[in-house]
Amino acid sequence: MSHIYSIYFAGDLFNHKDLVGNLLLSEAIEKESAGRYVCVVPQHLEQSTSRSVDIRNNDLSEVVKADLILVNFDGTELDSGTVIEFLFAKALDIPAVILRSDFRSAGDQERGDPWNLMCSGYPRTRTVTLNAMTWYQEAWNEGGGTSAVLARFYQKLSKTINAEFELVLKENSLIDSEQMLQNVYEWALRFPGNGFSDLFSEEELRTLLENKKNKNSV
């Protein structure tokens, strides 16, 4: 039986380039995987209140429910909200793929990843680093207009990311017992505070963990 995996999109969503890029990439990932990977894009989530803690809780709850997380680490400084979502996912041992398409060098690693060293080295985490300008120019030079350029660019990018999803899913979980799994998730629901633990009933959490175990994502 082929499973369907939910992918949480962690990254910037503050301007038209972020929003449109997230949309195009999420749709390409779903298309190239023939629906195997279904993306949860925070910009599409309903934000029903103006309280920032409720928005935070809503996004973190989607991280808890996700089978995998895609983390956008573009920029000379990483977005702080994205870093929090990444580390929250790592605390739950959720398989992760980090994407950096920014060709600029950043961070404090001389021979490592082009971002802050505190965000590197975590288990069940793979990286995709590329020069987006080079990829874009290659797609542009083939011609055919905007739609064709975008299709070529995002088809290539989504195929690369999906291949990393497949590889990271094969890596062994750090959680080695039913009790540990239960403890880790129960703790994760408590530590954010501010009503976060109320978002999942015991039955909902039990069902969620059963689904994840059946898909070997935990």
N, C-alpha and C. Protein backbone atom coordinates (compact mmCIF):
# COMPACT_ATOMS: atom_id res chain seq x y z
N MET A 1 0.85 -1.20 0.00
CA MET A 1 0.00 0.00 0.00
C MET A 1 0.88 1.25 0.00
N SER A 2 0.58 2.18 -0.86
CA SER A 2 1.33 3.42 -0.94
C SER A 2 0.72 4.45 0.00
N HIS A 3 1.53 4.98 0.87
CA HIS A 3 1.05 5.95 1.84
C HIS A 3 1.10 7.36 1.28
N ILE A 4 0.27 8.24 1.85
CA ILE A 4 0.29 9.66 1.54
C ILE A 4 0.91 10.38 2.73
N TYR A 5 1.91 11.20 2.47
CA TYR A 5 2.64 11.89 3.53
C TYR A 5 2.34 13.38 3.49
N SER A 6 2.11 13.95 4.66
CA SER A 6 1.89 15.40 4.76
C SER A 6 3.22 16.10 5.00
N ILE A 7 3.44 17.18 4.26
CA ILE A 7 4.67 17.96 4.33
C ILE A 7 4.35 19.35 4.85
N TYR A 8 4.95 19.70 5.98
CA TYR A 8 4.77 21.06 6.49
C TYR A 8 5.81 21.98 5.86
N PHE A 9 5.34 23.08 5.27
CA PHE A 9 6.21 24.07 4.64
C PHE A 9 6.62 25.10 5.69
N ALA A 10 7.90 25.11 6.07
CA ALA A 10 8.39 26.11 7.01
C ALA A 10 9.25 27.11 6.26
N GLY A 11 8.86 28.36 6.27
CA GLY A 11 9.63 29.37 5.55
C GLY A 11 8.93 30.71 5.53
N ASP A 12 9.59 31.67 4.92
CA ASP A 12 9.05 33.03 4.84
C ASP A 12 7.74 33.07 4.06
N LEU A 13 6.85 33.97 4.48
CA LEU A 13 5.60 34.19 3.75
C LEU A 13 5.18 35.64 3.87
N PHE A 14 6.17 36.54 3.73
CA PHE A 14 5.94 37.94 4.06
C PHE A 14 5.85 38.87 2.87
N ASN A 15 6.08 38.37 1.67
CA ASN A 15 5.96 39.23 0.49
C ASN A 15 5.48 38.40 -0.69
N HIS A 16 5.22 39.07 -1.81
CA HIS A 16 4.63 38.37 -2.95
C HIS A 16 5.56 37.29 -3.50
N LYS A 17 6.88 37.48 -3.40
CA LYS A 17 7.80 36.46 -3.91
C LYS A 17 7.74 35.21 -3.04
N ASP A 18 7.71 35.39 -1.73
CA ASP A 18 7.59 34.25 -0.83
C ASP A 18 6.29 33.49 -1.08
N LEU A 19 5.19 34.23 -1.14
CA LEU A 19 3.87 33.61 -1.25
C LEU A 19 3.72 32.84 -2.55
N VAL A 20 4.11 33.46 -3.65
CA VAL A 20 3.96 32.80 -4.95
C VAL A 20 4.94 31.63 -5.07
N GLY A 21 6.17 31.82 -4.59
CA GLY A 21 7.15 30.74 -4.63
C GLY A 21 6.70 29.53 -3.84
N ASN A 22 6.14 29.77 -2.65
CA ASN A 22 5.62 28.66 -1.83
C ASN A 22 4.51 27.91 -2.56
N LEU A 23 3.63 28.68 -3.19
CA LEU A 23 2.51 28.07 -3.91
C LEU A 23 3.01 27.22 -5.08
N LEU A 24 3.90 27.76 -5.89
CA LEU A 24 4.40 27.04 -7.04
C LEU A 24 5.15 25.78 -6.65
N LEU A 25 5.99 25.88 -5.63
CA LEU A 25 6.77 24.72 -5.21
C LEU A 25 5.89 23.65 -4.59
N SER A 26 4.94 24.04 -3.75
CA SER A 26 4.06 23.05 -3.13
C SER A 26 3.25 22.29 -4.17
N GLU A 27 2.74 23.00 -5.17
CA GLU A 27 1.97 22.34 -6.22
C GLU A 27 2.85 21.42 -7.05
N ALA A 28 4.09 21.85 -7.31
CA ALA A 28 5.01 21.01 -8.10
C ALA A 28 5.38 19.74 -7.34
N ILE A 29 5.59 19.86 -6.03
CA ILE A 29 5.92 18.67 -5.21
C ILE A 29 4.79 17.66 -5.26
N GLU A 30 3.57 18.14 -5.12
CA GLU A 30 2.41 17.24 -5.16
C GLU A 30 2.26 16.60 -6.54
N LYS A 31 2.45 17.39 -7.58
CA LYS A 31 2.30 16.87 -8.95
C LYS A 31 3.38 15.84 -9.27
N GLU A 32 4.63 16.15 -8.97
CA GLU A 32 5.73 15.25 -9.30
C GLU A 32 5.70 13.96 -8.48
N SER A 33 5.08 14.00 -7.31
CA SER A 33 4.98 12.80 -6.48
C SER A 33 3.70 12.03 -6.75
N ALA A 34 2.90 12.50 -7.70
CA ALA A 34 1.60 11.89 -8.02
C ALA A 34 0.72 11.80 -6.78
N GLY A 35 0.78 12.83 -5.93
CA GLY A 35 -0.05 12.89 -4.75
C GLY A 35 0.49 12.16 -3.55
N ARG A 36 1.68 11.59 -3.65
CA ARG A 36 2.28 10.90 -2.50
C ARG A 36 2.60 11.90 -1.39
N TYR A 37 3.03 13.10 -1.78
CA TYR A 37 3.35 14.15 -0.83
C TYR A 37 2.32 15.28 -0.95
N VAL A 38 1.65 15.56 0.15
CA VAL A 38 0.64 16.62 0.20
C VAL A 38 1.16 17.73 1.11
N CYS A 39 1.20 18.93 0.60
CA CYS A 39 1.86 20.03 1.31
C CYS A 39 0.88 20.84 2.15
N VAL A 40 1.31 21.15 3.36
CA VAL A 40 0.57 22.05 4.25
C VAL A 40 1.34 23.37 4.25
N VAL A 41 0.77 24.38 3.60
CA VAL A 41 1.44 25.66 3.44
C VAL A 41 0.81 26.67 4.40
N PRO A 42 1.55 27.19 5.38
CA PRO A 42 0.96 28.05 6.41
C PRO A 42 0.18 29.24 5.88
N GLN A 43 0.56 29.77 4.73
CA GLN A 43 -0.17 30.92 4.20
C GLN A 43 -1.60 30.57 3.80
N HIS A 44 -1.88 29.27 3.69
CA HIS A 44 -3.23 28.83 3.34
C HIS A 44 -4.07 28.48 4.57
N LEU A 45 -3.46 28.52 5.73
CA LEU A 45 -4.19 28.17 6.94
C LEU A 45 -5.05 29.35 7.39
N GLU A 46 -6.21 29.04 7.90
CA GLU A 46 -7.10 30.09 8.39
C GLU A 46 -6.57 30.61 9.73
N GLN A 47 -6.34 31.90 9.81
CA GLN A 47 -5.91 32.53 11.05
C GLN A 47 -7.11 33.28 11.60
N SER A 48 -7.80 32.64 12.55
CA SER A 48 -9.12 33.13 12.95
C SER A 48 -9.09 34.23 14.00
N THR A 49 -7.93 34.53 14.59
CA THR A 49 -7.86 35.58 15.60
C THR A 49 -6.66 36.47 15.32
N SER A 50 -6.64 37.59 16.02
CA SER A 50 -5.50 38.51 15.88
C SER A 50 -4.45 38.27 16.95
N ARG A 51 -4.67 37.28 17.82
CA ARG A 51 -3.70 36.99 18.88
C ARG A 51 -2.54 36.20 18.28
N SER A 52 -1.34 36.73 18.44
CA SER A 52 -0.18 36.09 17.83
C SER A 52 0.05 34.69 18.38
N VAL A 53 -0.28 34.46 19.66
CA VAL A 53 -0.05 33.14 20.23
C VAL A 53 -0.96 32.11 19.60
N ASP A 54 -2.13 32.52 19.16
CA ASP A 54 -3.04 31.58 18.49
C ASP A 54 -2.52 31.21 17.11
N ILE A 55 -1.93 32.18 16.42
CA ILE A 55 -1.31 31.90 15.12
C ILE A 55 -0.14 30.95 15.32
N ARG A 56 0.67 31.22 16.33
CA ARG A 56 1.79 30.33 16.65
C ARG A 56 1.30 28.92 16.95
N ASN A 57 0.29 28.81 17.79
CA ASN A 57 -0.24 27.49 18.15
C ASN A 57 -0.78 26.75 16.93
N ASN A 58 -1.46 27.49 16.05
CA ASN A 58 -2.02 26.87 14.85
C ASN A 58 -0.91 26.29 13.98
N ASP A 59 0.17 27.07 13.79
CA ASP A 59 1.27 26.60 12.95
C ASP A 59 2.00 25.42 13.61
N LEU A 60 2.27 25.52 14.90
CA LEU A 60 2.97 24.42 15.58
C LEU A 60 2.13 23.15 15.62
N SER A 61 0.82 23.30 15.68
CA SER A 61 -0.03 22.10 15.66
C SER A 61 0.09 21.37 14.33
N GLU A 62 0.28 22.13 13.24
CA GLU A 62 0.46 21.51 11.93
C GLU A 62 1.82 20.81 11.84
N VAL A 63 2.82 21.35 12.52
CA VAL A 63 4.12 20.67 12.60
C VAL A 63 3.95 19.32 13.29
N VAL A 64 3.23 19.30 14.40
CA VAL A 64 3.00 18.06 15.15
C VAL A 64 2.33 17.02 14.25
N LYS A 65 1.37 17.44 13.44
CA LYS A 65 0.61 16.51 12.62
C LYS A 65 1.36 16.05 11.37
N ALA A 66 2.40 16.79 10.98
CA ALA A 66 3.08 16.51 9.72
C ALA A 66 3.92 15.24 9.79
N ASP A 67 4.04 14.58 8.63
CA ASP A 67 4.91 13.41 8.52
C ASP A 67 6.35 13.82 8.21
N LEU A 68 6.50 14.93 7.49
CA LEU A 68 7.81 15.48 7.16
C LEU A 68 7.72 16.99 7.20
N ILE A 69 8.89 17.63 7.21
CA ILE A 69 8.92 19.09 7.16
C ILE A 69 9.93 19.53 6.11
N LEU A 70 9.53 20.52 5.30
CA LEU A 70 10.42 21.16 4.35
C LEU A 70 10.76 22.53 4.91
N VAL A 71 12.05 22.81 5.09
CA VAL A 71 12.49 24.02 5.77
C VAL A 71 13.24 24.92 4.80
N ASN A 72 12.75 26.13 4.60
CA ASN A 72 13.39 27.07 3.70
C ASN A 72 14.40 27.91 4.48
N PHE A 73 15.68 27.72 4.18
CA PHE A 73 16.75 28.45 4.85
C PHE A 73 17.41 29.47 3.92
N ASP A 74 16.61 30.21 3.18
CA ASP A 74 17.17 31.27 2.34
C ASP A 74 17.41 32.53 3.17
N GLY A 75 18.21 33.45 2.61
CA GLY A 75 18.45 34.72 3.26
C GLY A 75 19.80 34.79 3.94
N THR A 76 20.29 36.01 4.15
CA THR A 76 21.55 36.19 4.87
C THR A 76 21.38 35.91 6.36
N GLU A 77 20.15 36.09 6.85
CA GLU A 77 19.78 35.70 8.21
C GLU A 77 18.56 34.80 8.12
N LEU A 78 18.59 33.67 8.81
CA LEU A 78 17.45 32.77 8.77
C LEU A 78 16.26 33.38 9.49
N ASP A 79 15.07 33.15 8.94
CA ASP A 79 13.85 33.61 9.58
C ASP A 79 13.68 32.91 10.92
N SER A 80 13.47 33.68 11.99
CA SER A 80 13.43 33.11 13.34
C SER A 80 12.26 32.16 13.53
N GLY A 81 11.11 32.48 12.92
CA GLY A 81 9.97 31.58 13.04
C GLY A 81 10.23 30.24 12.39
N THR A 82 10.91 30.27 11.25
CA THR A 82 11.26 29.03 10.55
C THR A 82 12.20 28.18 11.39
N VAL A 83 13.16 28.82 12.04
CA VAL A 83 14.10 28.09 12.90
C VAL A 83 13.36 27.42 14.05
N ILE A 84 12.40 28.13 14.66
CA ILE A 84 11.61 27.55 15.75
C ILE A 84 10.84 26.32 15.27
N GLU A 85 10.22 26.43 14.11
CA GLU A 85 9.45 25.31 13.57
C GLU A 85 10.37 24.13 13.27
N PHE A 86 11.54 24.41 12.75
CA PHE A 86 12.50 23.35 12.46
C PHE A 86 12.93 22.63 13.73
N LEU A 87 13.29 23.37 14.76
CA LEU A 87 13.75 22.75 16.00
C LEU A 87 12.61 22.03 16.72
N PHE A 88 11.39 22.55 16.62
CA PHE A 88 10.25 21.86 17.20
C PHE A 88 10.05 20.51 16.50
N ALA A 89 10.19 20.51 15.17
CA ALA A 89 10.07 19.26 14.41
C ALA A 89 11.18 18.29 14.79
N LYS A 90 12.38 18.81 15.00
CA LYS A 90 13.50 17.94 15.38
C LYS A 90 13.31 17.37 16.78
N ALA A 91 12.70 18.12 17.68
CA ALA A 91 12.41 17.60 19.01
C ALA A 91 11.45 16.41 18.94
N LEU A 92 10.62 16.39 17.89
CA LEU A 92 9.69 15.29 17.66
C LEU A 92 10.28 14.24 16.72
N ASP A 93 11.52 14.43 16.28
CA ASP A 93 12.19 13.52 15.35
C ASP A 93 11.42 13.39 14.04
N ILE A 94 10.82 14.47 13.59
CA ILE A 94 10.13 14.47 12.31
C ILE A 94 11.17 14.59 11.19
N PRO A 95 11.15 13.72 10.20
CA PRO A 95 12.12 13.80 9.10
C PRO A 95 12.05 15.17 8.41
N ALA A 96 13.22 15.72 8.09
CA ALA A 96 13.27 17.08 7.55
C ALA A 96 14.16 17.15 6.33
N VAL A 97 13.77 18.04 5.42
CA VAL A 97 14.62 18.41 4.29
C VAL A 97 14.79 19.93 4.35
N ILE A 98 16.03 20.38 4.39
CA ILE A 98 16.33 21.80 4.38
C ILE A 98 16.62 22.22 2.93
N LEU A 99 15.96 23.29 2.50
CA LEU A 99 16.17 23.83 1.16
C LEU A 99 16.81 25.21 1.25
N ARG A 100 17.93 25.38 0.56
CA ARG A 100 18.51 26.71 0.40
C ARG A 100 18.79 26.93 -1.08
N SER A 101 18.05 27.88 -1.65
CA SER A 101 18.24 28.22 -3.07
C SER A 101 19.00 29.53 -3.23
N ASP A 102 19.30 30.18 -2.13
CA ASP A 102 20.02 31.45 -2.10
C ASP A 102 21.50 31.19 -2.38
N PHE A 103 22.04 31.84 -3.41
CA PHE A 103 23.43 31.57 -3.78
C PHE A 103 24.44 32.33 -2.93
N ARG A 104 23.95 33.21 -2.04
CA ARG A 104 24.86 33.96 -1.20
C ARG A 104 25.36 33.10 -0.03
N SER A 105 26.58 33.34 0.38
CA SER A 105 27.12 32.65 1.54
C SER A 105 26.68 33.38 2.80
N ALA A 106 26.36 32.63 3.84
CA ALA A 106 25.90 33.24 5.09
C ALA A 106 26.28 32.33 6.25
N GLY A 107 26.09 32.83 7.46
CA GLY A 107 26.35 32.01 8.64
C GLY A 107 27.79 32.08 9.10
N ASP A 108 28.15 31.14 9.99
CA ASP A 108 29.45 31.17 10.64
C ASP A 108 30.22 29.87 10.46
N GLN A 109 29.92 29.14 9.39
CA GLN A 109 30.60 27.88 9.13
C GLN A 109 31.57 28.04 7.96
N GLU A 110 32.83 27.82 8.21
CA GLU A 110 33.82 27.99 7.15
C GLU A 110 33.74 26.89 6.11
N ARG A 111 33.49 25.66 6.55
CA ARG A 111 33.46 24.54 5.60
C ARG A 111 32.16 23.74 5.69
N GLY A 112 31.15 24.33 6.25
CA GLY A 112 29.89 23.61 6.42
C GLY A 112 28.76 24.26 5.66
N ASP A 113 27.57 24.15 6.20
CA ASP A 113 26.38 24.70 5.57
C ASP A 113 26.43 26.22 5.57
N PRO A 114 25.80 26.85 4.58
CA PRO A 114 25.80 28.30 4.49
C PRO A 114 24.75 28.97 5.38
N TRP A 115 24.69 28.56 6.64
CA TRP A 115 23.81 29.18 7.63
C TRP A 115 24.41 28.94 9.01
N ASN A 116 23.78 29.48 10.03
CA ASN A 116 24.29 29.39 11.39
C ASN A 116 24.51 27.94 11.80
N LEU A 117 25.65 27.68 12.41
CA LEU A 117 26.03 26.30 12.74
C LEU A 117 25.08 25.64 13.73
N MET A 118 24.36 26.43 14.52
CA MET A 118 23.43 25.85 15.49
C MET A 118 22.25 25.17 14.81
N CYS A 119 22.06 25.41 13.52
CA CYS A 119 20.95 24.80 12.77
C CYS A 119 21.41 23.61 11.92
N SER A 120 22.62 23.13 12.16
CA SER A 120 23.16 22.01 11.39
C SER A 120 23.43 20.81 12.28
N GLY A 121 23.51 19.64 11.64
CA GLY A 121 23.94 18.44 12.33
C GLY A 121 22.87 17.60 12.97
N TYR A 122 21.61 17.86 12.68
CA TYR A 122 20.53 17.12 13.34
C TYR A 122 20.19 15.83 12.59
N PRO A 123 19.84 14.78 13.33
CA PRO A 123 19.50 13.50 12.69
C PRO A 123 18.25 13.60 11.82
N ARG A 124 18.14 12.65 10.91
CA ARG A 124 16.98 12.56 10.01
C ARG A 124 16.71 13.89 9.33
N THR A 125 17.80 14.51 8.86
CA THR A 125 17.72 15.80 8.18
C THR A 125 18.63 15.77 6.96
N ARG A 126 18.08 16.09 5.81
CA ARG A 126 18.86 16.15 4.59
C ARG A 126 18.77 17.57 4.02
N THR A 127 19.73 17.93 3.19
CA THR A 127 19.78 19.29 2.67
C THR A 127 19.80 19.31 1.14
N VAL A 128 19.17 20.32 0.60
CA VAL A 128 19.22 20.63 -0.83
C VAL A 128 19.72 22.06 -0.94
N THR A 129 20.93 22.24 -1.44
CA THR A 129 21.47 23.58 -1.65
C THR A 129 21.73 23.77 -3.14
N LEU A 130 21.33 24.91 -3.65
CA LEU A 130 21.48 25.16 -5.07
C LEU A 130 21.59 26.66 -5.32
N ASN A 131 22.06 27.00 -6.50
CA ASN A 131 22.14 28.38 -6.94
C ASN A 131 20.90 28.67 -7.78
N ALA A 132 19.92 29.33 -7.18
CA ALA A 132 18.65 29.57 -7.87
C ALA A 132 18.83 30.41 -9.13
N MET A 133 19.79 31.32 -9.11
CA MET A 133 20.03 32.14 -10.30
C MET A 133 20.48 31.27 -11.48
N THR A 134 21.38 30.34 -11.23
CA THR A 134 21.85 29.45 -12.29
C THR A 134 20.71 28.60 -12.82
N TRP A 135 19.94 28.01 -11.91
CA TRP A 135 18.81 27.17 -12.32
C TRP A 135 17.79 27.98 -13.13
N TYR A 136 17.54 29.21 -12.68
CA TYR A 136 16.57 30.06 -13.37
C TYR A 136 17.05 30.40 -14.78
N GLN A 137 18.30 30.78 -14.90
CA GLN A 137 18.82 31.15 -16.22
C GLN A 137 18.82 29.97 -17.18
N GLU A 138 19.10 28.78 -16.67
CA GLU A 138 19.04 27.59 -17.52
C GLU A 138 17.62 27.36 -18.03
N ALA A 139 16.65 27.52 -17.14
CA ALA A 139 15.24 27.35 -17.54
C ALA A 139 14.82 28.46 -18.50
N TRP A 140 15.29 29.68 -18.25
CA TRP A 140 14.92 30.82 -19.10
C TRP A 140 15.50 30.69 -20.50
N ASN A 141 16.72 30.23 -20.57
CA ASN A 141 17.40 30.15 -21.86
C ASN A 141 16.78 29.13 -22.82
N GLU A 142 15.99 28.22 -22.27
CA GLU A 142 15.31 27.26 -23.14
C GLU A 142 14.10 27.87 -23.81
N GLY A 143 13.69 29.06 -23.35
CA GLY A 143 12.60 29.78 -23.99
C GLY A 143 11.23 29.19 -23.71
N GLY A 144 10.24 29.73 -24.44
CA GLY A 144 8.88 29.21 -24.32
C GLY A 144 7.95 30.06 -23.50
N GLY A 145 8.43 31.17 -22.96
CA GLY A 145 7.56 32.03 -22.19
C GLY A 145 7.57 31.71 -20.70
N THR A 146 6.90 32.57 -19.95
CA THR A 146 6.93 32.49 -18.49
C THR A 146 6.43 31.15 -17.96
N SER A 147 5.33 30.67 -18.47
CA SER A 147 4.75 29.42 -17.97
C SER A 147 5.71 28.25 -18.18
N ALA A 148 6.35 28.21 -19.32
CA ALA A 148 7.28 27.13 -19.61
C ALA A 148 8.51 27.21 -18.72
N VAL A 149 8.99 28.43 -18.49
CA VAL A 149 10.16 28.62 -17.62
C VAL A 149 9.86 28.14 -16.20
N LEU A 150 8.71 28.58 -15.69
CA LEU A 150 8.32 28.18 -14.34
C LEU A 150 8.14 26.67 -14.23
N ALA A 151 7.52 26.08 -15.25
CA ALA A 151 7.29 24.64 -15.22
C ALA A 151 8.61 23.88 -15.18
N ARG A 152 9.57 24.29 -15.98
CA ARG A 152 10.87 23.61 -15.99
C ARG A 152 11.60 23.79 -14.67
N PHE A 153 11.60 25.02 -14.17
CA PHE A 153 12.31 25.31 -12.91
C PHE A 153 11.74 24.49 -11.76
N TYR A 154 10.44 24.55 -11.58
CA TYR A 154 9.83 23.89 -10.42
C TYR A 154 9.72 22.38 -10.59
N GLN A 155 9.67 21.90 -11.81
CA GLN A 155 9.71 20.46 -12.00
C GLN A 155 11.06 19.91 -11.55
N LYS A 156 12.13 20.57 -11.94
CA LYS A 156 13.47 20.14 -11.55
C LYS A 156 13.66 20.24 -10.04
N LEU A 157 13.20 21.35 -9.45
CA LEU A 157 13.38 21.54 -8.01
C LEU A 157 12.56 20.54 -7.21
N SER A 158 11.31 20.32 -7.61
CA SER A 158 10.45 19.40 -6.87
C SER A 158 10.96 17.96 -6.96
N LYS A 159 11.48 17.56 -8.13
CA LYS A 159 12.04 16.22 -8.26
C LYS A 159 13.23 16.03 -7.31
N THR A 160 14.06 17.06 -7.21
CA THR A 160 15.22 16.99 -6.32
C THR A 160 14.77 16.87 -4.87
N ILE A 161 13.80 17.66 -4.47
CA ILE A 161 13.31 17.64 -3.09
C ILE A 161 12.62 16.31 -2.79
N ASN A 162 11.78 15.84 -3.70
CA ASN A 162 11.07 14.58 -3.47
C ASN A 162 12.04 13.41 -3.31
N ALA A 163 13.13 13.43 -4.04
CA ALA A 163 14.13 12.38 -3.89
C ALA A 163 14.73 12.39 -2.49
N GLU A 164 14.91 13.58 -1.93
CA GLU A 164 15.44 13.68 -0.57
C GLU A 164 14.40 13.24 0.46
N PHE A 165 13.12 13.51 0.20
CA PHE A 165 12.07 12.99 1.08
C PHE A 165 12.14 11.47 1.15
N GLU A 166 12.29 10.85 0.00
CA GLU A 166 12.35 9.39 -0.03
C GLU A 166 13.54 8.87 0.78
N LEU A 167 14.67 9.53 0.67
CA LEU A 167 15.87 9.08 1.39
C LEU A 167 15.74 9.29 2.89
N VAL A 168 15.21 10.45 3.30
CA VAL A 168 15.15 10.73 4.74
C VAL A 168 14.12 9.83 5.43
N LEU A 169 13.11 9.40 4.69
CA LEU A 169 12.11 8.49 5.27
C LEU A 169 12.71 7.12 5.57
N LYS A 170 13.81 6.78 4.91
CA LYS A 170 14.45 5.49 5.13
C LYS A 170 15.40 5.50 6.33
N GLU A 171 15.67 6.67 6.86
CA GLU A 171 16.58 6.76 8.01
C GLU A 171 15.85 6.34 9.28
N ASN A 172 16.57 5.67 10.16
CA ASN A 172 15.96 5.14 11.38
C ASN A 172 15.58 6.26 12.35
N SER A 173 14.44 6.07 12.98
CA SER A 173 13.98 7.03 13.97
C SER A 173 14.82 6.95 15.24
N LEU A 174 14.93 8.07 15.94
CA LEU A 174 15.59 8.07 17.24
C LEU A 174 14.69 7.50 18.32
N ILE A 175 13.40 7.47 18.05
CA ILE A 175 12.42 6.98 19.02
C ILE A 175 12.32 5.47 18.89
N ASP A 176 12.73 4.77 19.94
CA ASP A 176 12.88 3.32 19.84
C ASP A 176 11.88 2.50 20.64
N SER A 177 10.82 3.14 21.16
CA SER A 177 9.81 2.37 21.89
C SER A 177 8.49 3.13 21.88
N GLU A 178 7.41 2.39 22.10
CA GLU A 178 6.08 2.99 22.17
C GLU A 178 6.01 4.01 23.29
N GLN A 179 6.61 3.68 24.42
CA GLN A 179 6.55 4.57 25.57
C GLN A 179 7.30 5.86 25.31
N MET A 180 8.46 5.74 24.68
CA MET A 180 9.23 6.94 24.35
C MET A 180 8.47 7.84 23.39
N LEU A 181 7.83 7.23 22.39
CA LEU A 181 7.05 7.99 21.43
C LEU A 181 5.94 8.76 22.14
N GLN A 182 5.23 8.09 23.01
CA GLN A 182 4.15 8.73 23.74
C GLN A 182 4.68 9.86 24.62
N ASN A 183 5.79 9.61 25.29
CA ASN A 183 6.36 10.62 26.18
C ASN A 183 6.82 11.86 25.41
N VAL A 184 7.47 11.63 24.30
CA VAL A 184 8.00 12.75 23.50
C VAL A 184 6.87 13.65 23.02
N TYR A 185 5.81 13.05 22.50
CA TYR A 185 4.71 13.86 21.98
C TYR A 185 3.91 14.52 23.09
N GLU A 186 3.72 13.83 24.21
CA GLU A 186 3.01 14.45 25.33
C GLU A 186 3.78 15.65 25.86
N TRP A 187 5.11 15.51 25.96
CA TRP A 187 5.93 16.64 26.40
C TRP A 187 5.86 17.79 25.41
N ALA A 188 5.91 17.47 24.11
CA ALA A 188 5.89 18.50 23.07
C ALA A 188 4.59 19.29 23.09
N LEU A 189 3.50 18.66 23.49
CA LEU A 189 2.23 19.37 23.58
C LEU A 189 2.17 20.30 24.78
N ARG A 190 2.98 20.01 25.79
CA ARG A 190 2.94 20.82 27.01
C ARG A 190 3.88 22.01 26.99
N PHE A 191 5.08 21.84 26.41
CA PHE A 191 6.08 22.87 26.65
C PHE A 191 5.81 24.22 25.99
N PRO A 192 5.05 24.33 24.88
CA PRO A 192 4.78 25.68 24.35
C PRO A 192 3.86 26.51 25.25
N GLY A 193 3.06 25.84 26.10
CA GLY A 193 2.14 26.57 26.97
C GLY A 193 1.06 27.30 26.20
N ASN A 194 0.40 28.24 26.88
CA ASN A 194 -0.61 29.10 26.26
C ASN A 194 -1.68 28.33 25.50
N GLY A 195 -2.15 27.25 26.10
CA GLY A 195 -3.27 26.52 25.54
C GLY A 195 -2.93 25.53 24.45
N PHE A 196 -1.63 25.33 24.17
CA PHE A 196 -1.28 24.44 23.07
C PHE A 196 -1.71 23.01 23.33
N SER A 197 -1.57 22.54 24.55
CA SER A 197 -1.92 21.16 24.86
C SER A 197 -3.41 20.88 24.69
N ASP A 198 -4.22 21.93 24.69
CA ASP A 198 -5.67 21.74 24.54
C ASP A 198 -6.07 21.46 23.09
N LEU A 199 -5.13 21.60 22.16
CA LEU A 199 -5.46 21.42 20.75
C LEU A 199 -5.59 19.97 20.34
N PHE A 200 -5.09 19.06 21.18
CA PHE A 200 -5.14 17.63 20.87
C PHE A 200 -5.73 16.87 22.05
N SER A 201 -6.79 16.13 21.80
CA SER A 201 -7.32 15.24 22.83
C SER A 201 -6.46 13.98 22.89
N GLU A 202 -6.62 13.19 23.94
CA GLU A 202 -5.88 11.94 24.04
C GLU A 202 -6.17 11.03 22.86
N GLU A 203 -7.42 10.98 22.45
CA GLU A 203 -7.79 10.13 21.30
C GLU A 203 -7.17 10.65 20.01
N GLU A 204 -7.17 11.95 19.82
CA GLU A 204 -6.58 12.53 18.61
C GLU A 204 -5.08 12.25 18.55
N LEU A 205 -4.41 12.37 19.69
CA LEU A 205 -2.98 12.10 19.72
C LEU A 205 -2.70 10.63 19.45
N ARG A 206 -3.50 9.75 20.02
CA ARG A 206 -3.33 8.31 19.82
C ARG A 206 -3.50 7.96 18.33
N THR A 207 -4.53 8.51 17.70
CA THR A 207 -4.77 8.25 16.28
C THR A 207 -3.64 8.81 15.42
N LEU A 208 -3.17 10.00 15.77
CA LEU A 208 -2.07 10.62 15.03
C LEU A 208 -0.82 9.76 15.06
N LEU A 209 -0.47 9.27 16.24
CA LEU A 209 0.74 8.47 16.38
C LEU A 209 0.60 7.12 15.69
N GLU A 210 -0.57 6.55 15.70
CA GLU A 210 -0.80 5.29 15.00
C GLU A 210 -0.60 5.48 13.50
N ASN A 211 -1.14 6.58 12.97
CA ASN A 211 -0.99 6.87 11.54
C ASN A 211 0.48 7.05 11.17
N LYS A 212 1.21 7.76 12.03
CA LYS A 212 2.63 8.00 11.75
C LYS A 212 3.41 6.68 11.81
N LYS A 213 3.09 5.84 12.75
CA LYS A 213 3.78 4.55 12.84
C LYS A 213 3.50 3.69 11.62
N ASN A 214 2.28 3.71 11.14
CA ASN A 214 1.94 2.92 9.96
C ASN A 214 2.69 3.38 8.71
N LYS A 215 3.06 4.66 8.70
CA LYS A 215 3.80 5.21 7.55
C LYS A 215 5.31 5.26 7.79
N ASN A 216 5.74 4.72 8.93
CA ASN A 216 7.17 4.70 9.28
C ASN A 216 7.80 6.10 9.31
N SER A 217 7.00 7.09 9.67
CA SER A 217 7.54 8.44 9.78
C SER A 217 7.99 8.76 11.20
N VAL A 218 7.72 7.84 12.14
CA VAL A 218 8.25 7.95 13.51
C VAL A 218 8.91 6.63 13.87
